[in-house]
Amino acid sequence: MDKKTAHTEAGRTDKPKFTNNSAHNQRLKLLDWLFEKNSITTAQAREMLDVMSPAPRILELRAAGYEINTVWDNWTSEYGIKHRIARYVLMQKKPVDVNL
């Protein structure tokens, strides 16, 4: 599989195709996930969306008016190490502002 196009949902045609990992696109990817699944952990954002530091993007989304709460989860890494990580939960849905 070509790493440039590899994605966990590569076969889906209803999702936007992101050609770069700008802060803008990271916010849109997070919103897309949150609108579909309602919450995301730091580990999921890194692994599934290629957003290595989701906290700043969530802060920016909050500043744009999205109500997103943080709850703390326990997560065990693939090495068996336990971590306390953030889970971001979308509390209210509003239309996506593409000018984020």
PDB file of N, CA and C in Angstrom:
ATOM      1  N   MET A   1       0.849  -1.186   0.000  1.00  0.00           N
ATOM      2  CA  MET A   1       0.000   0.000   0.000  1.00  0.00           C
ATOM      3  C   MET A   1       0.883   1.234   0.000  1.00  0.00           C
ATOM      4  N   ASP A   2       0.555   2.189  -0.817  1.00  0.00           N
ATOM      5  CA  ASP A   2       1.296   3.430  -0.917  1.00  0.00           C
ATOM      6  C   ASP A   2       1.065   4.258   0.340  1.00  0.00           C
ATOM      7  N   LYS A   3       2.151   4.593   1.042  1.00  0.00           N
ATOM      8  CA  LYS A   3       2.009   5.316   2.310  1.00  0.00           C
ATOM      9  C   LYS A   3       1.421   6.709   2.118  1.00  0.00           C
ATOM     10  N   LYS A   4       1.577   7.288   0.933  1.00  0.00           N
ATOM     11  CA  LYS A   4       1.027   8.622   0.708  1.00  0.00           C
ATOM     12  C   LYS A   4      -0.494   8.613   0.707  1.00  0.00           C
ATOM     13  N   THR A   5      -1.095   7.487   0.319  1.00  0.00           N
ATOM     14  CA  THR A   5      -2.550   7.430   0.244  1.00  0.00           C
ATOM     15  C   THR A   5      -3.153   6.478   1.266  1.00  0.00           C
ATOM     16  N   ALA A   6      -2.316   5.825   2.056  1.00  0.00           N
ATOM     17  CA  ALA A   6      -2.835   4.867   3.033  1.00  0.00           C
ATOM     18  C   ALA A   6      -3.660   5.597   4.081  1.00  0.00           C
ATOM     19  N   HIS A   7      -4.812   5.061   4.354  1.00  0.00           N
ATOM     20  CA  HIS A   7      -5.697   5.632   5.355  1.00  0.00           C
ATOM     21  C   HIS A   7      -6.622   4.522   5.808  1.00  0.00           C
ATOM     22  N   THR A   8      -7.029   4.575   7.049  1.00  0.00           N
ATOM     23  CA  THR A   8      -7.868   3.514   7.591  1.00  0.00           C
ATOM     24  C   THR A   8      -9.205   3.412   6.874  1.00  0.00           C
ATOM     25  N   GLU A   9      -9.632   4.502   6.239  1.00  0.00           N
ATOM     26  CA  GLU A   9     -10.894   4.485   5.522  1.00  0.00           C
ATOM     27  C   GLU A   9     -10.674   4.880   4.069  1.00  0.00           C
ATOM     28  N   ALA A  10      -9.584   4.357   3.484  1.00  0.00           N
ATOM     29  CA  ALA A  10      -9.195   4.748   2.134  1.00  0.00           C
ATOM     30  C   ALA A  10     -10.270   4.451   1.103  1.00  0.00           C
ATOM     31  N   GLY A  11     -11.097   3.435   1.333  1.00  0.00           N
ATOM     32  CA  GLY A  11     -12.120   3.067   0.376  1.00  0.00           C
ATOM     33  C   GLY A  11     -13.356   3.945   0.405  1.00  0.00           C
ATOM     34  N   ARG A  12     -13.486   4.773   1.396  1.00  0.00           N
ATOM     35  CA  ARG A  12     -14.684   5.612   1.511  1.00  0.00           C
ATOM     36  C   ARG A  12     -14.583   6.781   0.541  1.00  0.00           C
ATOM     37  N   THR A  13     -15.677   7.069  -0.127  1.00  0.00           N
ATOM     38  CA  THR A  13     -15.690   8.185  -1.072  1.00  0.00           C
ATOM     39  C   THR A  13     -16.412   9.402  -0.521  1.00  0.00           C
ATOM     40  N   ASP A  14     -17.076   9.256   0.628  1.00  0.00           N
ATOM     41  CA  ASP A  14     -17.838  10.373   1.178  1.00  0.00           C
ATOM     42  C   ASP A  14     -17.017  11.238   2.124  1.00  0.00           C
ATOM     43  N   LYS A  15     -15.768  10.896   2.343  1.00  0.00           N
ATOM     44  CA  LYS A  15     -14.910  11.671   3.232  1.00  0.00           C
ATOM     45  C   LYS A  15     -14.009  12.589   2.410  1.00  0.00           C
ATOM     46  N   PRO A  16     -13.724  13.788   2.937  1.00  0.00           N
ATOM     47  CA  PRO A  16     -12.826  14.679   2.205  1.00  0.00           C
ATOM     48  C   PRO A  16     -11.424  14.085   2.131  1.00  0.00           C
ATOM     49  N   LYS A  17     -10.741  14.369   1.051  1.00  0.00           N
ATOM     50  CA  LYS A  17      -9.361  13.917   0.878  1.00  0.00           C
ATOM     51  C   LYS A  17      -8.445  15.056   1.323  1.00  0.00           C
ATOM     52  N   PHE A  18      -7.614  14.792   2.295  1.00  0.00           N
ATOM     53  CA  PHE A  18      -6.706  15.806   2.813  1.00  0.00           C
ATOM     54  C   PHE A  18      -5.346  15.622   2.156  1.00  0.00           C
ATOM     55  N   THR A  19      -4.870  16.654   1.505  1.00  0.00           N
ATOM     56  CA  THR A  19      -3.605  16.559   0.784  1.00  0.00           C
ATOM     57  C   THR A  19      -2.418  17.041   1.610  1.00  0.00           C
ATOM     58  N   ASN A  20      -2.683  17.613   2.777  1.00  0.00           N
ATOM     59  CA  ASN A  20      -1.593  18.035   3.650  1.00  0.00           C
ATOM     60  C   ASN A  20      -2.061  17.940   5.095  1.00  0.00           C
ATOM     61  N   ASN A  21      -1.164  18.161   6.002  1.00  0.00           N
ATOM     62  CA  ASN A  21      -1.501  18.040   7.424  1.00  0.00           C
ATOM     63  C   ASN A  21      -1.407  19.402   8.114  1.00  0.00           C
ATOM     64  N   SER A  22      -1.918  20.419   7.442  1.00  0.00           N
ATOM     65  CA  SER A  22      -1.927  21.759   8.018  1.00  0.00           C
ATOM     66  C   SER A  22      -2.814  21.778   9.267  1.00  0.00           C
ATOM     67  N   ALA A  23      -2.641  22.788  10.086  1.00  0.00           N
ATOM     68  CA  ALA A  23      -3.480  22.933  11.280  1.00  0.00           C
ATOM     69  C   ALA A  23      -4.951  22.997  10.878  1.00  0.00           C
ATOM     70  N   HIS A  24      -5.243  23.676   9.783  1.00  0.00           N
ATOM     71  CA  HIS A  24      -6.613  23.773   9.288  1.00  0.00           C
ATOM     72  C   HIS A  24      -7.179  22.381   8.980  1.00  0.00           C
ATOM     73  N   ASN A  25      -6.420  21.591   8.233  1.00  0.00           N
ATOM     74  CA  ASN A  25      -6.889  20.243   7.897  1.00  0.00           C
ATOM     75  C   ASN A  25      -6.980  19.347   9.128  1.00  0.00           C
ATOM     76  N   GLN A  26      -6.084  19.526  10.087  1.00  0.00           N
ATOM     77  CA  GLN A  26      -6.157  18.745  11.321  1.00  0.00           C
ATOM     78  C   GLN A  26      -7.455  19.061  12.072  1.00  0.00           C
ATOM     79  N   ARG A  27      -7.822  20.337  12.121  1.00  0.00           N
ATOM     80  CA  ARG A  27      -9.087  20.714  12.773  1.00  0.00           C
ATOM     81  C   ARG A  27     -10.272  20.081  12.051  1.00  0.00           C
ATOM     82  N   LEU A  28     -10.244  20.114  10.724  1.00  0.00           N
ATOM     83  CA  LEU A  28     -11.338  19.520   9.955  1.00  0.00           C
ATOM     84  C   LEU A  28     -11.406  18.009  10.164  1.00  0.00           C
ATOM     85  N   LYS A  29     -10.259  17.347  10.227  1.00  0.00           N
ATOM     86  CA  LYS A  29     -10.256  15.902  10.466  1.00  0.00           C
ATOM     87  C   LYS A  29     -10.824  15.583  11.846  1.00  0.00           C
ATOM     88  N   LEU A  30     -10.436  16.363  12.839  1.00  0.00           N
ATOM     89  CA  LEU A  30     -10.970  16.151  14.189  1.00  0.00           C
ATOM     90  C   LEU A  30     -12.475  16.375  14.217  1.00  0.00           C
ATOM     91  N   LEU A  31     -12.944  17.451  13.581  1.00  0.00           N
ATOM     92  CA  LEU A  31     -14.386  17.716  13.550  1.00  0.00           C
ATOM     93  C   LEU A  31     -15.134  16.599  12.837  1.00  0.00           C
ATOM     94  N   ASP A  32     -14.592  16.139  11.733  1.00  0.00           N
ATOM     95  CA  ASP A  32     -15.226  15.057  10.989  1.00  0.00           C
ATOM     96  C   ASP A  32     -15.403  13.833  11.889  1.00  0.00           C
ATOM     97  N   TRP A  33     -14.350  13.482  12.614  1.00  0.00           N
ATOM     98  CA  TRP A  33     -14.397  12.330  13.530  1.00  0.00           C
ATOM     99  C   TRP A  33     -15.409  12.579  14.655  1.00  0.00           C
ATOM    100  N   LEU A  34     -15.335  13.763  15.268  1.00  0.00           N
ATOM    101  CA  LEU A  34     -16.222  14.073  16.385  1.00  0.00           C
ATOM    102  C   LEU A  34     -17.690  14.087  15.965  1.00  0.00           C
ATOM    103  N   PHE A  35     -17.984  14.605  14.775  1.00  0.00           N
ATOM    104  CA  PHE A  35     -19.368  14.611  14.312  1.00  0.00           C
ATOM    105  C   PHE A  35     -19.863  13.198  14.068  1.00  0.00           C
ATOM    106  N   GLU A  36     -18.977  12.322  13.649  1.00  0.00           N
ATOM    107  CA  GLU A  36     -19.376  10.943  13.369  1.00  0.00           C
ATOM    108  C   GLU A  36     -19.412  10.073  14.622  1.00  0.00           C
ATOM    109  N   LYS A  37     -18.401  10.202  15.491  1.00  0.00           N
ATOM    110  CA  LYS A  37     -18.257   9.281  16.615  1.00  0.00           C
ATOM    111  C   LYS A  37     -18.435   9.933  17.979  1.00  0.00           C
ATOM    112  N   ASN A  38     -18.497  11.262  18.032  1.00  0.00           N
ATOM    113  CA  ASN A  38     -18.762  12.038  19.238  1.00  0.00           C
ATOM    114  C   ASN A  38     -17.568  12.216  20.175  1.00  0.00           C
ATOM    115  N   SER A  39     -16.563  11.336  20.151  1.00  0.00           N
ATOM    116  CA  SER A  39     -15.391  11.537  21.012  1.00  0.00           C
ATOM    117  C   SER A  39     -14.160  10.926  20.354  1.00  0.00           C
ATOM    118  N   ILE A  40     -12.999  11.401  20.792  1.00  0.00           N
ATOM    119  CA  ILE A  40     -11.724  10.886  20.298  1.00  0.00           C
ATOM    120  C   ILE A  40     -10.680  11.024  21.390  1.00  0.00           C
ATOM    121  N   THR A  41      -9.813  10.030  21.504  1.00  0.00           N
ATOM    122  CA  THR A  41      -8.714  10.109  22.468  1.00  0.00           C
ATOM    123  C   THR A  41      -7.475  10.655  21.765  1.00  0.00           C
ATOM    124  N   THR A  42      -6.508  11.064  22.568  1.00  0.00           N
ATOM    125  CA  THR A  42      -5.237  11.512  22.020  1.00  0.00           C
ATOM    126  C   THR A  42      -4.617  10.411  21.166  1.00  0.00           C
ATOM    127  N   ALA A  43      -4.651   9.171  21.649  1.00  0.00           N
ATOM    128  CA  ALA A  43      -4.064   8.048  20.915  1.00  0.00           C
ATOM    129  C   ALA A  43      -4.774   7.836  19.579  1.00  0.00           C
ATOM    130  N   GLN A  44      -6.095   7.933  19.559  1.00  0.00           N
ATOM    131  CA  GLN A  44      -6.840   7.772  18.308  1.00  0.00           C
ATOM    132  C   GLN A  44      -6.508   8.891  17.324  1.00  0.00           C
ATOM    133  N   ALA A  45      -6.425  10.112  17.815  1.00  0.00           N
ATOM    134  CA  ALA A  45      -6.100  11.245  16.940  1.00  0.00           C
ATOM    135  C   ALA A  45      -4.744  11.041  16.286  1.00  0.00           C
ATOM    136  N   ARG A  46      -3.791  10.544  17.048  1.00  0.00           N
ATOM    137  CA  ARG A  46      -2.456  10.306  16.495  1.00  0.00           C
ATOM    138  C   ARG A  46      -2.457   9.162  15.497  1.00  0.00           C
ATOM    139  N   GLU A  47      -3.065   8.055  15.876  1.00  0.00           N
ATOM    140  CA  GLU A  47      -3.031   6.854  15.047  1.00  0.00           C
ATOM    141  C   GLU A  47      -3.958   6.934  13.837  1.00  0.00           C
ATOM    142  N   MET A  48      -5.181   7.388  14.037  1.00  0.00           N
ATOM    143  CA  MET A  48      -6.179   7.336  12.977  1.00  0.00           C
ATOM    144  C   MET A  48      -6.208   8.585  12.084  1.00  0.00           C
ATOM    145  N   LEU A  49      -5.860   9.750  12.655  1.00  0.00           N
ATOM    146  CA  LEU A  49      -5.994  11.000  11.909  1.00  0.00           C
ATOM    147  C   LEU A  49      -4.673  11.682  11.599  1.00  0.00           C
ATOM    148  N   ASP A  50      -3.572  11.151  12.123  1.00  0.00           N
ATOM    149  CA  ASP A  50      -2.254  11.748  11.915  1.00  0.00           C
ATOM    150  C   ASP A  50      -2.178  13.157  12.519  1.00  0.00           C
ATOM    151  N   VAL A  51      -2.861  13.342  13.658  1.00  0.00           N
ATOM    152  CA  VAL A  51      -2.806  14.599  14.412  1.00  0.00           C
ATOM    153  C   VAL A  51      -1.982  14.304  15.658  1.00  0.00           C
ATOM    154  N   MET A  52      -0.706  14.664  15.617  1.00  0.00           N
ATOM    155  CA  MET A  52       0.223  14.286  16.679  1.00  0.00           C
ATOM    156  C   MET A  52      -0.007  15.038  17.977  1.00  0.00           C
ATOM    157  N   SER A  53      -0.478  16.272  17.889  1.00  0.00           N
ATOM    158  CA  SER A  53      -0.770  17.073  19.090  1.00  0.00           C
ATOM    159  C   SER A  53      -2.202  17.588  18.999  1.00  0.00           C
ATOM    160  N   PRO A  54      -3.172  16.762  19.392  1.00  0.00           N
ATOM    161  CA  PRO A  54      -4.562  17.193  19.247  1.00  0.00           C
ATOM    162  C   PRO A  54      -4.970  18.311  20.196  1.00  0.00           C
ATOM    163  N   ALA A  55      -4.308  18.464  21.329  1.00  0.00           N
ATOM    164  CA  ALA A  55      -4.720  19.474  22.310  1.00  0.00           C
ATOM    165  C   ALA A  55      -4.772  20.887  21.725  1.00  0.00           C
ATOM    166  N   PRO A  56      -3.754  21.340  20.994  1.00  0.00           N
ATOM    167  CA  PRO A  56      -3.863  22.693  20.421  1.00  0.00           C
ATOM    168  C   PRO A  56      -5.001  22.829  19.416  1.00  0.00           C
ATOM    169  N   ARG A  57      -5.251  21.785  18.636  1.00  0.00           N
ATOM    170  CA  ARG A  57      -6.344  21.835  17.656  1.00  0.00           C
ATOM    171  C   ARG A  57      -7.692  21.902  18.362  1.00  0.00           C
ATOM    172  N   ILE A  58      -7.833  21.148  19.451  1.00  0.00           N
ATOM    173  CA  ILE A  58      -9.077  21.188  20.235  1.00  0.00           C
ATOM    174  C   ILE A  58      -9.264  22.578  20.835  1.00  0.00           C
ATOM    175  N   LEU A  59      -8.194  23.166  21.339  1.00  0.00           N
ATOM    176  CA  LEU A  59      -8.253  24.529  21.880  1.00  0.00           C
ATOM    177  C   LEU A  59      -8.737  25.511  20.813  1.00  0.00           C
ATOM    178  N   GLU A  60      -8.231  25.354  19.598  1.00  0.00           N
ATOM    179  CA  GLU A  60      -8.654  26.231  18.498  1.00  0.00           C
ATOM    180  C   GLU A  60     -10.129  26.001  18.146  1.00  0.00           C
ATOM    181  N   LEU A  61     -10.565  24.755  18.168  1.00  0.00           N
ATOM    182  CA  LEU A  61     -11.973  24.462  17.901  1.00  0.00           C
ATOM    183  C   LEU A  61     -12.874  25.059  18.974  1.00  0.00           C
ATOM    184  N   ARG A  62     -12.419  24.994  20.217  1.00  0.00           N
ATOM    185  CA  ARG A  62     -13.194  25.626  21.299  1.00  0.00           C
ATOM    186  C   ARG A  62     -13.294  27.129  21.083  1.00  0.00           C
ATOM    187  N   ALA A  63     -12.185  27.737  20.676  1.00  0.00           N
ATOM    188  CA  ALA A  63     -12.175  29.182  20.426  1.00  0.00           C
ATOM    189  C   ALA A  63     -13.115  29.543  19.273  1.00  0.00           C
ATOM    190  N   ALA A  64     -13.324  28.592  18.355  1.00  0.00           N
ATOM    191  CA  ALA A  64     -14.242  28.813  17.225  1.00  0.00           C
ATOM    192  C   ALA A  64     -15.693  28.577  17.609  1.00  0.00           C
ATOM    193  N   GLY A  65     -15.936  28.174  18.869  1.00  0.00           N
ATOM    194  CA  GLY A  65     -17.301  28.039  19.348  1.00  0.00           C
ATOM    195  C   GLY A  65     -17.804  26.624  19.549  1.00  0.00           C
ATOM    196  N   TYR A  66     -16.966  25.632  19.313  1.00  0.00           N
ATOM    197  CA  TYR A  66     -17.386  24.247  19.539  1.00  0.00           C
ATOM    198  C   TYR A  66     -17.253  23.903  21.016  1.00  0.00           C
ATOM    199  N   GLU A  67     -18.292  23.294  21.563  1.00  0.00           N
ATOM    200  CA  GLU A  67     -18.267  22.882  22.959  1.00  0.00           C
ATOM    201  C   GLU A  67     -17.705  21.459  23.026  1.00  0.00           C
ATOM    202  N   ILE A  68     -16.452  21.372  23.461  1.00  0.00           N
ATOM    203  CA  ILE A  68     -15.748  20.092  23.539  1.00  0.00           C
ATOM    204  C   ILE A  68     -15.201  19.945  24.949  1.00  0.00           C
ATOM    205  N   ASN A  69     -15.622  18.907  25.642  1.00  0.00           N
ATOM    206  CA  ASN A  69     -15.137  18.632  26.996  1.00  0.00           C
ATOM    207  C   ASN A  69     -13.984  17.645  26.959  1.00  0.00           C
ATOM    208  N   THR A  70     -13.158  17.713  27.985  1.00  0.00           N
ATOM    209  CA  THR A  70     -12.066  16.754  28.146  1.00  0.00           C
ATOM    210  C   THR A  70     -12.381  15.867  29.339  1.00  0.00           C
ATOM    211  N   VAL A  71     -12.320  14.570  29.109  1.00  0.00           N
ATOM    212  CA  VAL A  71     -12.400  13.595  30.196  1.00  0.00           C
ATOM    213  C   VAL A  71     -11.135  12.759  30.122  1.00  0.00           C
ATOM    214  N   TRP A  72     -10.766  12.173  31.239  1.00  0.00           N
ATOM    215  CA  TRP A  72      -9.509  11.435  31.286  1.00  0.00           C
ATOM    216  C   TRP A  72      -9.761   9.937  31.203  1.00  0.00           C
ATOM    217  N   ASP A  73      -9.001   9.289  30.351  1.00  0.00           N
ATOM    218  CA  ASP A  73      -9.084   7.845  30.132  1.00  0.00           C
ATOM    219  C   ASP A  73      -7.769   7.196  30.540  1.00  0.00           C
ATOM    220  N   ASN A  74      -7.847   5.919  30.833  1.00  0.00           N
ATOM    221  CA  ASN A  74      -6.643   5.118  31.013  1.00  0.00           C
ATOM    222  C   ASN A  74      -6.426   4.330  29.728  1.00  0.00           C
ATOM    223  N   TRP A  75      -5.201   4.292  29.267  1.00  0.00           N
ATOM    224  CA  TRP A  75      -4.859   3.633  28.012  1.00  0.00           C
ATOM    225  C   TRP A  75      -3.560   2.883  28.205  1.00  0.00           C
ATOM    226  N   THR A  76      -3.480   1.692  27.654  1.00  0.00           N
ATOM    227  CA  THR A  76      -2.261   0.892  27.735  1.00  0.00           C
ATOM    228  C   THR A  76      -1.632   0.841  26.352  1.00  0.00           C
ATOM    229  N   SER A  77      -0.363   1.223  26.269  1.00  0.00           N
ATOM    230  CA  SER A  77       0.337   1.246  24.989  1.00  0.00           C
ATOM    231  C   SER A  77       0.623  -0.170  24.518  1.00  0.00           C
ATOM    232  N   GLU A  78       1.094  -0.284  23.296  1.00  0.00           N
ATOM    233  CA  GLU A  78       1.446  -1.597  22.745  1.00  0.00           C
ATOM    234  C   GLU A  78       2.603  -2.239  23.506  1.00  0.00           C
ATOM    235  N   TYR A  79       3.306  -1.476  24.317  1.00  0.00           N
ATOM    236  CA  TYR A  79       4.404  -2.001  25.137  1.00  0.00           C
ATOM    237  C   TYR A  79       3.943  -2.385  26.538  1.00  0.00           C
ATOM    238  N   GLY A  80       2.645  -2.220  26.789  1.00  0.00           N
ATOM    239  CA  GLY A  80       2.098  -2.581  28.085  1.00  0.00           C
ATOM    240  C   GLY A  80       2.210  -1.488  29.131  1.00  0.00           C
ATOM    241  N   ILE A  81       2.570  -0.292  28.712  1.00  0.00           N
ATOM    242  CA  ILE A  81       2.722   0.834  29.642  1.00  0.00           C
ATOM    243  C   ILE A  81       1.384   1.565  29.753  1.00  0.00           C
ATOM    244  N   LYS A  82       0.957   1.795  30.992  1.00  0.00           N
ATOM    245  CA  LYS A  82      -0.317   2.477  31.223  1.00  0.00           C
ATOM    246  C   LYS A  82      -0.119   3.989  31.198  1.00  0.00           C
ATOM    247  N   HIS A  83      -1.072   4.655  30.560  1.00  0.00           N
ATOM    248  CA  HIS A  83      -1.038   6.111  30.432  1.00  0.00           C
ATOM    249  C   HIS A  83      -2.403   6.683  30.785  1.00  0.00           C
ATOM    250  N   ARG A  84      -2.403   7.911  31.237  1.00  0.00           N
ATOM    251  CA  ARG A  84      -3.627   8.676  31.432  1.00  0.00           C
ATOM    252  C   ARG A  84      -3.685   9.642  30.255  1.00  0.00           C
ATOM    253  N   ILE A  85      -4.713   9.492  29.403  1.00  0.00           N
ATOM    254  CA  ILE A  85      -4.793  10.326  28.209  1.00  0.00           C
ATOM    255  C   ILE A  85      -6.142  11.028  28.140  1.00  0.00           C
ATOM    256  N   ALA A  86      -6.168  12.080  27.369  1.00  0.00           N
ATOM    257  CA  ALA A  86      -7.391  12.863  27.197  1.00  0.00           C
ATOM    258  C   ALA A  86      -8.323  12.192  26.203  1.00  0.00           C
ATOM    259  N   ARG A  87      -9.604  12.281  26.498  1.00  0.00           N
ATOM    260  CA  ARG A  87     -10.666  11.958  25.541  1.00  0.00           C
ATOM    261  C   ARG A  87     -11.453  13.246  25.356  1.00  0.00           C
ATOM    262  N   TYR A  88     -11.572  13.672  24.108  1.00  0.00           N
ATOM    263  CA  TYR A  88     -12.295  14.895  23.788  1.00  0.00           C
ATOM    264  C   TYR A  88     -13.699  14.519  23.330  1.00  0.00           C
ATOM    265  N   VAL A  89     -14.705  15.123  23.980  1.00  0.00           N
ATOM    266  CA  VAL A  89     -16.101  14.769  23.733  1.00  0.00           C
ATOM    267  C   VAL A  89     -16.834  16.004  23.209  1.00  0.00           C
ATOM    268  N   LEU A  90     -17.433  15.845  22.021  1.00  0.00           N
ATOM    269  CA  LEU A  90     -18.222  16.924  21.437  1.00  0.00           C
ATOM    270  C   LEU A  90     -19.562  16.987  22.149  1.00  0.00           C
ATOM    271  N   MET A  91     -19.863  18.128  22.760  1.00  0.00           N
ATOM    272  CA  MET A  91     -21.078  18.277  23.553  1.00  0.00           C
ATOM    273  C   MET A  91     -22.247  18.811  22.728  1.00  0.00           C
ATOM    274  N   GLN A  92     -21.965  19.610  21.724  1.00  0.00           N
ATOM    275  CA  GLN A  92     -23.033  20.145  20.881  1.00  0.00           C
ATOM    276  C   GLN A  92     -22.511  20.201  19.458  1.00  0.00           C
ATOM    277  N   LYS A  93     -23.408  19.914  18.554  1.00  0.00           N
ATOM    278  CA  LYS A  93     -23.027  19.960  17.144  1.00  0.00           C
ATOM    279  C   LYS A  93     -23.512  21.258  16.545  1.00  0.00           C
ATOM    280  N   LYS A  94     -22.665  21.853  15.748  1.00  0.00           N
ATOM    281  CA  LYS A  94     -23.051  23.046  15.015  1.00  0.00           C
ATOM    282  C   LYS A  94     -22.488  22.905  13.613  1.00  0.00           C
ATOM    283  N   PRO A  95     -22.955  23.660  12.658  1.00  0.00           N
ATOM    284  CA  PRO A  95     -22.446  23.532  11.286  1.00  0.00           C
ATOM    285  C   PRO A  95     -20.946  23.756  11.242  1.00  0.00           C
ATOM    286  N   VAL A  96     -20.288  23.002  10.388  1.00  0.00           N
ATOM    287  CA  VAL A  96     -18.835  23.114  10.243  1.00  0.00           C
ATOM    288  C   VAL A  96     -18.494  24.430   9.597  1.00  0.00           C
ATOM    289  N   ASP A  97     -17.606  25.174  10.243  1.00  0.00           N
ATOM    290  CA  ASP A  97     -17.101  26.446   9.713  1.00  0.00           C
ATOM    291  C   ASP A  97     -15.804  26.148   8.992  1.00  0.00           C
ATOM    292  N   VAL A  98     -15.809  26.198   7.677  1.00  0.00           N
ATOM    293  CA  VAL A  98     -14.619  25.860   6.915  1.00  0.00           C
ATOM    294  C   VAL A  98     -13.534  26.916   7.052  1.00  0.00           C
ATOM    295  N   ASN A  99     -13.810  28.022   7.700  1.00  0.00           N
ATOM    296  CA  ASN A  99     -12.816  29.086   7.887  1.00  0.00           C
ATOM    297  C   ASN A  99     -12.096  28.965   9.218  1.00  0.00           C
ATOM    298  N   LEU A 100     -12.078  27.776   9.798  1.00  0.00           N
ATOM    299  CA  LEU A 100     -11.431  27.590  11.103  1.00  0.00           C
ATOM    300  C   LEU A 100      -9.977  27.956  11.052  1.00  0.00           C
TER     301      LEU A 100
END
